Full PDB file with SEQRES, HELIX, SHEET, SSBOND, CRYST1, ORIGX, SCALE, CONECT and MASTER records, all heavy atoms in Angstrom:
SEQRES   1 A   35  THR ALA THR VAL GLU ALA ALA LEU ALA GLY THR PRO MET          
SEQRES   2 A   35  VAL ILE ILE TYR ARG GLY SER GLU LEU ASN TRP ARG LEU          
SEQRES   3 A   35  ILE ARG PRO LEU ILE GLN LEU ASP THR                          
HELIX    1 AA1 ALA A    2  ALA A    9  1                                   8    
HELIX    2 AA2 GLU A   21  ILE A   27  1                                   7    
HELIX    3 AA3 ARG A   28  LEU A   30  5                                   3    
CRYST1    1.000    1.000    1.000  90.00  90.00  90.00 P 1           1          
ORIGX1      1.000000  0.000000  0.000000        0.00000                         
ORIGX2      0.000000  1.000000  0.000000        0.00000                         
ORIGX3      0.000000  0.000000  1.000000        0.00000                         
SCALE1      1.000000  0.000000  0.000000        0.00000                         
SCALE2      0.000000  1.000000  0.000000        0.00000                         
SCALE3      0.000000  0.000000  1.000000        0.00000                         
ATOM      1  N   THR A   1      -5.890  -3.390   5.040  1.00  0.00           N  
ATOM      2  CA  THR A   1      -6.035  -4.056   6.341  1.00  0.00           C  
ATOM      3  C   THR A   1      -5.524  -5.505   6.308  1.00  0.00           C  
ATOM      4  O   THR A   1      -5.141  -6.046   7.343  1.00  0.00           O  
ATOM      5  CB  THR A   1      -7.499  -4.061   6.796  1.00  0.00           C  
ATOM      6  OG1 THR A   1      -8.280  -4.669   5.791  1.00  0.00           O  
ATOM      7  CG2 THR A   1      -7.978  -2.663   7.086  1.00  0.00           C  
ATOM      8  N   ALA A   2      -5.442  -6.137   5.128  1.00  0.00           N  
ATOM      9  CA  ALA A   2      -4.920  -7.502   5.030  1.00  0.00           C  
ATOM     10  C   ALA A   2      -3.467  -7.571   5.524  1.00  0.00           C  
ATOM     11  O   ALA A   2      -3.032  -8.587   6.041  1.00  0.00           O  
ATOM     12  CB  ALA A   2      -5.014  -8.002   3.614  1.00  0.00           C  
ATOM     13  N   THR A   3      -2.688  -6.458   5.391  1.00  0.00           N  
ATOM     14  CA  THR A   3      -1.327  -6.482   5.881  1.00  0.00           C  
ATOM     15  C   THR A   3      -1.298  -6.546   7.405  1.00  0.00           C  
ATOM     16  O   THR A   3      -0.430  -7.189   7.991  1.00  0.00           O  
ATOM     17  CB  THR A   3      -0.504  -5.248   5.415  1.00  0.00           C  
ATOM     18  OG1 THR A   3      -1.035  -4.048   6.014  1.00  0.00           O  
ATOM     19  CG2 THR A   3      -0.524  -5.125   3.911  1.00  0.00           C  
ATOM     20  N   VAL A   4      -2.306  -5.947   8.052  1.00  0.00           N  
ATOM     21  CA  VAL A   4      -2.388  -6.065   9.510  1.00  0.00           C  
ATOM     22  C   VAL A   4      -2.791  -7.473   9.890  1.00  0.00           C  
ATOM     23  O   VAL A   4      -2.237  -8.043  10.857  1.00  0.00           O  
ATOM     24  CB  VAL A   4      -3.396  -4.999  10.044  1.00  0.00           C  
ATOM     25  CG1 VAL A   4      -3.586  -5.156  11.570  1.00  0.00           C  
ATOM     26  CG2 VAL A   4      -2.920  -3.589   9.734  1.00  0.00           C  
ATOM     27  N   GLU A   5      -3.733  -8.065   9.177  1.00  0.00           N  
ATOM     28  CA  GLU A   5      -4.088  -9.471   9.418  1.00  0.00           C  
ATOM     29  C   GLU A   5      -2.878 -10.345   9.301  1.00  0.00           C  
ATOM     30  O   GLU A   5      -2.683 -11.244  10.153  1.00  0.00           O  
ATOM     31  CB  GLU A   5      -5.161  -9.947   8.454  1.00  0.00           C  
ATOM     32  CG  GLU A   5      -6.528  -9.386   8.727  1.00  0.00           C  
ATOM     33  CD  GLU A   5      -7.542  -9.959   7.759  1.00  0.00           C  
ATOM     34  OE1 GLU A   5      -7.730  -9.353   6.672  1.00  0.00           O  
ATOM     35  OE2 GLU A   5      -8.144 -11.025   8.080  1.00  0.00           O  
ATOM     36  N   ALA A   6      -2.050 -10.155   8.269  1.00  0.00           N  
ATOM     37  CA  ALA A   6      -0.861 -10.954   8.089  1.00  0.00           C  
ATOM     38  C   ALA A   6       0.106 -10.755   9.253  1.00  0.00           C  
ATOM     39  O   ALA A   6       0.722 -11.690   9.767  1.00  0.00           O  
ATOM     40  CB  ALA A   6      -0.197 -10.680   6.771  1.00  0.00           C  
ATOM     41  N   ALA A   7       0.261  -9.505   9.681  1.00  0.00           N  
ATOM     42  CA  ALA A   7       1.149  -9.199  10.804  1.00  0.00           C  
ATOM     43  C   ALA A   7       0.656  -9.862  12.053  1.00  0.00           C  
ATOM     44  O   ALA A   7       1.459 -10.459  12.820  1.00  0.00           O  
ATOM     45  CB  ALA A   7       1.261  -7.687  11.000  1.00  0.00           C  
ATOM     46  N   LEU A   8      -0.640  -9.802  12.313  1.00  0.00           N  
ATOM     47  CA  LEU A   8      -1.183 -10.428  13.510  1.00  0.00           C  
ATOM     48  C   LEU A   8      -0.993 -11.965  13.482  1.00  0.00           C  
ATOM     49  O   LEU A   8      -0.810 -12.606  14.499  1.00  0.00           O  
ATOM     50  CB  LEU A   8      -2.683 -10.128  13.644  1.00  0.00           C  
ATOM     51  CG  LEU A   8      -2.966  -8.679  14.023  1.00  0.00           C  
ATOM     52  CD1 LEU A   8      -4.507  -8.415  13.937  1.00  0.00           C  
ATOM     53  CD2 LEU A   8      -2.421  -8.342  15.404  1.00  0.00           C  
ATOM     54  N   ALA A   9      -0.974 -12.557  12.255  1.00  0.00           N  
ATOM     55  CA  ALA A   9      -0.742 -13.966  12.082  1.00  0.00           C  
ATOM     56  C   ALA A   9       0.750 -14.276  12.124  1.00  0.00           C  
ATOM     57  O   ALA A   9       1.140 -15.445  12.210  1.00  0.00           O  
ATOM     58  CB  ALA A   9      -1.347 -14.447  10.780  1.00  0.00           C  
ATOM     59  N   GLY A  10       1.636 -13.236  12.100  1.00  0.00           N  
ATOM     60  CA  GLY A  10       3.045 -13.428  12.119  1.00  0.00           C  
ATOM     61  C   GLY A  10       3.614 -13.917  10.805  1.00  0.00           C  
ATOM     62  O   GLY A  10       4.679 -14.517  10.762  1.00  0.00           O  
ATOM     63  N   THR A  11       2.903 -13.660   9.719  1.00  0.00           N  
ATOM     64  CA  THR A  11       3.292 -14.182   8.414  1.00  0.00           C  
ATOM     65  C   THR A  11       4.141 -13.184   7.630  1.00  0.00           C  
ATOM     66  O   THR A  11       3.649 -12.079   7.332  1.00  0.00           O  
ATOM     67  CB  THR A  11       2.017 -14.547   7.598  1.00  0.00           C  
ATOM     68  OG1 THR A  11       1.228 -15.440   8.356  1.00  0.00           O  
ATOM     69  CG2 THR A  11       2.404 -15.166   6.263  1.00  0.00           C  
ATOM     70  N   PRO A  12       5.381 -13.506   7.307  1.00  0.00           N  
ATOM     71  CA  PRO A  12       6.169 -12.606   6.463  1.00  0.00           C  
ATOM     72  C   PRO A  12       5.480 -12.360   5.141  1.00  0.00           C  
ATOM     73  O   PRO A  12       4.728 -13.225   4.654  1.00  0.00           O  
ATOM     74  CB  PRO A  12       7.497 -13.408   6.292  1.00  0.00           C  
ATOM     75  CG  PRO A  12       7.523 -14.362   7.450  1.00  0.00           C  
ATOM     76  CD  PRO A  12       6.087 -14.715   7.687  1.00  0.00           C  
ATOM     77  N   MET A  13       5.764 -11.218   4.540  1.00  0.00           N  
ATOM     78  CA  MET A  13       5.010 -10.823   3.359  1.00  0.00           C  
ATOM     79  C   MET A  13       5.725  -9.825   2.479  1.00  0.00           C  
ATOM     80  O   MET A  13       6.703  -9.214   2.918  1.00  0.00           O  
ATOM     81  CB  MET A  13       3.654 -10.225   3.782  1.00  0.00           C  
ATOM     82  CG  MET A  13       3.792  -8.820   4.382  1.00  0.00           C  
ATOM     83  SD  MET A  13       2.275  -8.179   5.113  1.00  0.00           S  
ATOM     84  CE  MET A  13       2.548  -8.581   6.848  1.00  0.00           C  
ATOM     85  N   VAL A  14       5.204  -9.689   1.243  1.00  0.00           N  
ATOM     86  CA  VAL A  14       5.510  -8.567   0.392  1.00  0.00           C  
ATOM     87  C   VAL A  14       4.146  -7.904   0.162  1.00  0.00           C  
ATOM     88  O   VAL A  14       3.130  -8.607  -0.063  1.00  0.00           O  
ATOM     89  CB  VAL A  14       6.072  -9.050  -0.952  1.00  0.00           C  
ATOM     90  CG1 VAL A  14       6.111  -7.937  -1.980  1.00  0.00           C  
ATOM     91  CG2 VAL A  14       7.496  -9.618  -0.754  1.00  0.00           C  
ATOM     92  N   ILE A  15       4.118  -6.566   0.233  1.00  0.00           N  
ATOM     93  CA  ILE A  15       2.892  -5.816   0.029  1.00  0.00           C  
ATOM     94  C   ILE A  15       2.892  -5.319  -1.393  1.00  0.00           C  
ATOM     95  O   ILE A  15       3.900  -4.820  -1.904  1.00  0.00           O  
ATOM     96  CB  ILE A  15       2.818  -4.608   0.984  1.00  0.00           C  
ATOM     97  CG1 ILE A  15       2.792  -5.060   2.469  1.00  0.00           C  
ATOM     98  CG2 ILE A  15       1.606  -3.716   0.677  1.00  0.00           C  
ATOM     99  CD1 ILE A  15       2.965  -3.944   3.444  1.00  0.00           C  
ATOM    100  N   ILE A  16       1.715  -5.472  -2.032  1.00  0.00           N  
ATOM    101  CA  ILE A  16       1.571  -4.947  -3.401  1.00  0.00           C  
ATOM    102  C   ILE A  16       0.357  -4.015  -3.448  1.00  0.00           C  
ATOM    103  O   ILE A  16      -0.599  -4.179  -2.718  1.00  0.00           O  
ATOM    104  CB  ILE A  16       1.409  -6.105  -4.450  1.00  0.00           C  
ATOM    105  CG1 ILE A  16       0.181  -6.928  -4.180  1.00  0.00           C  
ATOM    106  CG2 ILE A  16       2.673  -6.977  -4.474  1.00  0.00           C  
ATOM    107  CD1 ILE A  16      -0.162  -7.926  -5.309  1.00  0.00           C  
ATOM    108  N   TYR A  17       0.461  -3.053  -4.305  1.00  0.00           N  
ATOM    109  CA  TYR A  17      -0.626  -2.129  -4.552  1.00  0.00           C  
ATOM    110  C   TYR A  17      -0.596  -1.658  -6.035  1.00  0.00           C  
ATOM    111  O   TYR A  17       0.451  -1.180  -6.474  1.00  0.00           O  
ATOM    112  CB  TYR A  17      -0.608  -0.879  -3.668  1.00  0.00           C  
ATOM    113  CG  TYR A  17      -1.691   0.067  -4.053  1.00  0.00           C  
ATOM    114  CD1 TYR A  17      -3.002  -0.094  -3.633  1.00  0.00           C  
ATOM    115  CD2 TYR A  17      -1.437   1.163  -4.882  1.00  0.00           C  
ATOM    116  CE1 TYR A  17      -4.008   0.778  -4.006  1.00  0.00           C  
ATOM    117  CE2 TYR A  17      -2.427   2.022  -5.302  1.00  0.00           C  
ATOM    118  CZ  TYR A  17      -3.718   1.840  -4.858  1.00  0.00           C  
ATOM    119  OH  TYR A  17      -4.728   2.673  -5.243  1.00  0.00           O  
ATOM    120  N   ARG A  18      -1.693  -1.876  -6.700  1.00  0.00           N  
ATOM    121  CA  ARG A  18      -1.764  -1.341  -8.075  1.00  0.00           C  
ATOM    122  C   ARG A  18      -3.189  -0.884  -8.268  1.00  0.00           C  
ATOM    123  O   ARG A  18      -4.154  -1.611  -8.237  1.00  0.00           O  
ATOM    124  CB  ARG A  18      -1.465  -2.502  -9.057  1.00  0.00           C  
ATOM    125  CG  ARG A  18      -1.359  -1.999 -10.458  1.00  0.00           C  
ATOM    126  CD  ARG A  18      -0.774  -3.069 -11.301  1.00  0.00           C  
ATOM    127  NE  ARG A  18      -0.517  -2.560 -12.628  1.00  0.00           N  
ATOM    128  CZ  ARG A  18       0.136  -3.194 -13.527  1.00  0.00           C  
ATOM    129  NH1 ARG A  18       0.607  -4.378 -13.260  1.00  0.00           N  
ATOM    130  NH2 ARG A  18       0.323  -2.663 -14.694  1.00  0.00           N  
ATOM    131  N   GLY A  19      -3.304   0.438  -8.506  1.00  0.00           N  
ATOM    132  CA  GLY A  19      -4.626   1.033  -8.722  1.00  0.00           C  
ATOM    133  C   GLY A  19      -4.651   1.693 -10.050  1.00  0.00           C  
ATOM    134  O   GLY A  19      -3.784   1.551 -10.882  1.00  0.00           O  
ATOM    135  N   SER A  20      -5.667   2.530 -10.205  1.00  0.00           N  
ATOM    136  CA  SER A  20      -5.828   3.303 -11.431  1.00  0.00           C  
ATOM    137  C   SER A  20      -4.604   4.196 -11.652  1.00  0.00           C  
ATOM    138  O   SER A  20      -4.189   4.925 -10.752  1.00  0.00           O  
ATOM    139  CB  SER A  20      -7.086   4.128 -11.330  1.00  0.00           C  
ATOM    140  OG  SER A  20      -7.039   5.277 -12.138  1.00  0.00           O  
ATOM    141  N   GLU A  21      -4.059   4.144 -12.869  1.00  0.00           N  
ATOM    142  CA  GLU A  21      -2.888   4.981 -13.164  1.00  0.00           C  
ATOM    143  C   GLU A  21      -3.232   6.473 -13.017  1.00  0.00           C  
ATOM    144  O   GLU A  21      -2.435   7.257 -12.530  1.00  0.00           O  
ATOM    145  CB  GLU A  21      -2.400   4.682 -14.569  1.00  0.00           C  
ATOM    146  CG  GLU A  21      -1.101   5.368 -14.970  1.00  0.00           C  
ATOM    147  CD  GLU A  21       0.087   4.887 -14.133  1.00  0.00           C  
ATOM    148  OE1 GLU A  21       0.118   3.709 -13.713  1.00  0.00           O  
ATOM    149  OE2 GLU A  21       1.030   5.720 -13.935  1.00  0.00           O  
ATOM    150  N   LEU A  22      -4.429   6.841 -13.447  1.00  0.00           N  
ATOM    151  CA  LEU A  22      -4.863   8.236 -13.333  1.00  0.00           C  
ATOM    152  C   LEU A  22      -4.911   8.664 -11.880  1.00  0.00           C  
ATOM    153  O   LEU A  22      -4.344   9.705 -11.480  1.00  0.00           O  
ATOM    154  CB  LEU A  22      -6.234   8.448 -13.987  1.00  0.00           C  
ATOM    155  CG  LEU A  22      -6.841   9.847 -13.831  1.00  0.00           C  
ATOM    156  CD1 LEU A  22      -5.916  10.879 -14.538  1.00  0.00           C  
ATOM    157  CD2 LEU A  22      -8.234   9.887 -14.433  1.00  0.00           C  
ATOM    158  N   ASN A  23      -5.550   7.857 -11.028  1.00  0.00           N  
ATOM    159  CA  ASN A  23      -5.589   8.197  -9.571  1.00  0.00           C  
ATOM    160  C   ASN A  23      -4.152   8.295  -8.981  1.00  0.00           C  
ATOM    161  O   ASN A  23      -3.895   9.206  -8.234  1.00  0.00           O  
ATOM    162  CB  ASN A  23      -6.382   7.162  -8.803  1.00  0.00           C  
ATOM    163  CG  ASN A  23      -7.873   7.323  -9.030  1.00  0.00           C  
ATOM    164  OD1 ASN A  23      -8.326   8.317  -9.537  1.00  0.00           O  
ATOM    165  ND2 ASN A  23      -8.614   6.298  -8.633  1.00  0.00           N  
ATOM    166  N   TRP A  24      -3.321   7.359  -9.386  1.00  0.00           N  
ATOM    167  CA  TRP A  24      -1.948   7.337  -8.844  1.00  0.00           C  
ATOM    168  C   TRP A  24      -1.203   8.625  -9.222  1.00  0.00           C  
ATOM    169  O   TRP A  24      -0.582   9.289  -8.411  1.00  0.00           O  
ATOM    170  CB  TRP A  24      -1.206   6.120  -9.381  1.00  0.00           C  
ATOM    171  CG  TRP A  24       0.180   5.980  -8.839  1.00  0.00           C  
ATOM    172  CD1 TRP A  24       1.332   6.274  -9.490  1.00  0.00           C  
ATOM    173  CD2 TRP A  24       0.543   5.539  -7.544  1.00  0.00           C  
ATOM    174  NE1 TRP A  24       2.421   6.017  -8.641  1.00  0.00           N  
ATOM    175  CE2 TRP A  24       1.954   5.563  -7.441  1.00  0.00           C  
ATOM    176  CE3 TRP A  24      -0.188   5.115  -6.435  1.00  0.00           C  
ATOM    177  CZ2 TRP A  24       2.663   5.174  -6.324  1.00  0.00           C  
ATOM    178  CZ3 TRP A  24       0.526   4.721  -5.270  1.00  0.00           C  
ATOM    179  CH2 TRP A  24       1.917   4.772  -5.253  1.00  0.00           C  
ATOM    180  N   ARG A  25      -1.325   9.046 -10.466  1.00  0.00           N  
ATOM    181  CA  ARG A  25      -0.669  10.250 -10.945  1.00  0.00           C  
ATOM    182  C   ARG A  25      -1.218  11.502 -10.286  1.00  0.00           C  
ATOM    183  O   ARG A  25      -0.483  12.474 -10.038  1.00  0.00           O  
ATOM    184  CB  ARG A  25      -0.757  10.386 -12.467  1.00  0.00           C  
ATOM    185  CG  ARG A  25       0.126   9.370 -13.146  1.00  0.00           C  
ATOM    186  CD  ARG A  25      -0.006   9.527 -14.643  1.00  0.00           C  
ATOM    187  NE  ARG A  25       0.765   8.527 -15.315  1.00  0.00           N  
ATOM    188  CZ  ARG A  25       1.395   8.704 -16.427  1.00  0.00           C  
ATOM    189  NH1 ARG A  25       1.404   9.871 -17.016  1.00  0.00           N  
ATOM    190  NH2 ARG A  25       2.063   7.731 -16.976  1.00  0.00           N  
ATOM    191  N   LEU A  26      -2.490  11.512 -10.000  1.00  0.00           N  
ATOM    192  CA  LEU A  26      -3.152  12.683  -9.354  1.00  0.00           C  
ATOM    193  C   LEU A  26      -2.821  12.765  -7.886  1.00  0.00           C  
ATOM    194  O   LEU A  26      -2.535  13.809  -7.337  1.00  0.00           O  
ATOM    195  CB  LEU A  26      -4.652  12.660  -9.594  1.00  0.00           C  
ATOM    196  CG  LEU A  26      -5.154  12.908 -11.008  1.00  0.00           C  
ATOM    197  CD1 LEU A  26      -6.648  12.679 -11.089  1.00  0.00           C  
ATOM    198  CD2 LEU A  26      -4.777  14.292 -11.483  1.00  0.00           C  
ATOM    199  N   ILE A  27      -2.904  11.634  -7.213  1.00  0.00           N  
ATOM    200  CA  ILE A  27      -2.787  11.589  -5.762  1.00  0.00           C  
ATOM    201  C   ILE A  27      -1.373  11.454  -5.272  1.00  0.00           C  
ATOM    202  O   ILE A  27      -0.996  12.106  -4.258  1.00  0.00           O  
ATOM    203  CB  ILE A  27      -3.693  10.479  -5.196  1.00  0.00           C  
ATOM    204  CG1 ILE A  27      -5.147  10.832  -5.479  1.00  0.00           C  
ATOM    205  CG2 ILE A  27      -3.476  10.317  -3.704  1.00  0.00           C  
ATOM    206  CD1 ILE A  27      -6.117   9.707  -5.139  1.00  0.00           C  
ATOM    207  N   ARG A  28      -0.526  10.693  -5.914  1.00  0.00           N  
ATOM    208  CA  ARG A  28       0.832  10.452  -5.439  1.00  0.00           C  
ATOM    209  C   ARG A  28       1.618  11.687  -5.097  1.00  0.00           C  
ATOM    210  O   ARG A  28       2.270  11.773  -4.044  1.00  0.00           O  
ATOM    211  CB  ARG A  28       1.633   9.572  -6.431  1.00  0.00           C  
ATOM    212  CG  ARG A  28       3.045   9.259  -6.032  1.00  0.00           C  
ATOM    213  CD  ARG A  28       3.040   8.515  -4.670  1.00  0.00           C  
ATOM    214  NE  ARG A  28       4.363   8.254  -4.192  1.00  0.00           N  
ATOM    215  CZ  ARG A  28       4.828   8.723  -3.026  1.00  0.00           C  
ATOM    216  NH1 ARG A  28       4.042   9.440  -2.256  1.00  0.00           N  
ATOM    217  NH2 ARG A  28       6.048   8.461  -2.651  1.00  0.00           N  
ATOM    218  N   PRO A  29       1.606  12.756  -5.923  1.00  0.00           N  
ATOM    219  CA  PRO A  29       2.380  13.964  -5.573  1.00  0.00           C  
ATOM    220  C   PRO A  29       1.894  14.633  -4.246  1.00  0.00           C  
ATOM    221  O   PRO A  29       2.702  15.360  -3.648  1.00  0.00           O  
ATOM    222  CB  PRO A  29       2.166  14.888  -6.752  1.00  0.00           C  
ATOM    223  CG  PRO A  29       1.724  14.023  -7.855  1.00  0.00           C  
ATOM    224  CD  PRO A  29       1.040  12.877  -7.248  1.00  0.00           C  
ATOM    225  N   LEU A  30       0.690  14.346  -3.858  1.00  0.00           N  
ATOM    226  CA  LEU A  30       0.150  14.977  -2.639  1.00  0.00           C  
ATOM    227  C   LEU A  30       0.519  14.167  -1.381  1.00  0.00           C  
ATOM    228  O   LEU A  30       0.408  14.699  -0.270  1.00  0.00           O  
ATOM    229  CB  LEU A  30      -1.383  15.076  -2.726  1.00  0.00           C  
ATOM    230  CG  LEU A  30      -1.911  15.835  -3.962  1.00  0.00           C  
ATOM    231  CD1 LEU A  30      -3.433  15.702  -4.003  1.00  0.00           C  
ATOM    232  CD2 LEU A  30      -1.458  17.256  -3.926  1.00  0.00           C  
ATOM    233  N   ILE A  31       0.972  12.948  -1.537  1.00  0.00           N  
ATOM    234  CA  ILE A  31       1.260  12.118  -0.388  1.00  0.00           C  
ATOM    235  C   ILE A  31       2.758  12.202  -0.049  1.00  0.00           C  
ATOM    236  O   ILE A  31       3.609  11.898  -0.889  1.00  0.00           O  
ATOM    237  CB  ILE A  31       0.857  10.665  -0.692  1.00  0.00           C  
ATOM    238  CG1 ILE A  31      -0.655  10.577  -0.997  1.00  0.00           C  
ATOM    239  CG2 ILE A  31       1.200   9.747   0.485  1.00  0.00           C  
ATOM    240  CD1 ILE A  31      -1.098   9.231  -1.501  1.00  0.00           C  
ATOM    241  N   GLN A  32       3.036  12.575   1.139  1.00  0.00           N  
ATOM    242  CA  GLN A  32       4.425  12.757   1.573  1.00  0.00           C  
ATOM    243  C   GLN A  32       4.905  11.610   2.441  1.00  0.00           C  
ATOM    244  O   GLN A  32       5.705  11.794   3.374  1.00  0.00           O  
ATOM    245  CB  GLN A  32       4.575  14.078   2.345  1.00  0.00           C  
ATOM    246  CG  GLN A  32       4.156  15.298   1.579  1.00  0.00           C  
ATOM    247  CD  GLN A  32       5.023  15.474   0.336  1.00  0.00           C  
ATOM    248  OE1 GLN A  32       6.229  15.424   0.398  1.00  0.00           O  
ATOM    249  NE2 GLN A  32       4.393  15.729  -0.813  1.00  0.00           N  
ATOM    250  N   LEU A  33       4.486  10.388   2.144  1.00  0.00           N  
ATOM    251  CA  LEU A  33       4.920   9.227   2.953  1.00  0.00           C  
ATOM    252  C   LEU A  33       5.968   8.443   2.181  1.00  0.00           C  
ATOM    253  O   LEU A  33       5.938   8.397   0.959  1.00  0.00           O  
ATOM    254  CB  LEU A  33       3.713   8.294   3.222  1.00  0.00           C  
ATOM    255  CG  LEU A  33       2.552   8.905   4.042  1.00  0.00           C  
ATOM    256  CD1 LEU A  33       1.394   7.922   4.059  1.00  0.00           C  
ATOM    257  CD2 LEU A  33       3.071   9.197   5.416  1.00  0.00           C  
ATOM    258  N   ASP A  34       6.871   7.835   2.940  1.00  0.00           N  
ATOM    259  CA  ASP A  34       7.910   6.963   2.322  1.00  0.00           C  
ATOM    260  C   ASP A  34       7.386   5.546   2.184  1.00  0.00           C  
ATOM    261  O   ASP A  34       7.982   4.746   1.482  1.00  0.00           O  
ATOM    262  CB  ASP A  34       9.155   6.976   3.201  1.00  0.00           C  
ATOM    263  CG  ASP A  34       9.762   8.349   3.317  1.00  0.00           C  
ATOM    264  OD1 ASP A  34       9.675   9.108   2.351  1.00  0.00           O  
ATOM    265  OD2 ASP A  34      10.324   8.625   4.367  1.00  0.00           O  
ATOM    266  N   THR A  35       6.332   5.223   2.880  1.00  0.00           N  
ATOM    267  CA  THR A  35       5.767   3.896   2.903  1.00  0.00           C  
ATOM    268  C   THR A  35       4.251   3.971   2.935  1.00  0.00           C  
ATOM    269  O   THR A  35       3.697   4.974   3.390  1.00  0.00           O  
ATOM    270  CB  THR A  35       6.345   3.088   4.114  1.00  0.00           C  
ATOM    271  OG1 THR A  35       5.949   1.736   4.050  1.00  0.00           O  
ATOM    272  CG2 THR A  35       5.880   3.688   5.431  1.00  0.00           C  
TER     273      THR A  35                                                      
MASTER        0    0    0    3    0    0    0    6  272    1    0    3          
END                                                                             
């Protein structure tokens, strides 16, 4: 949701996400999103 807050403020950004490697490997193949 912080990305929405930044957008509402009009602030340019780079989005980062780093979670558990295990969760990423398990869940990523199930997600069909490009973003």
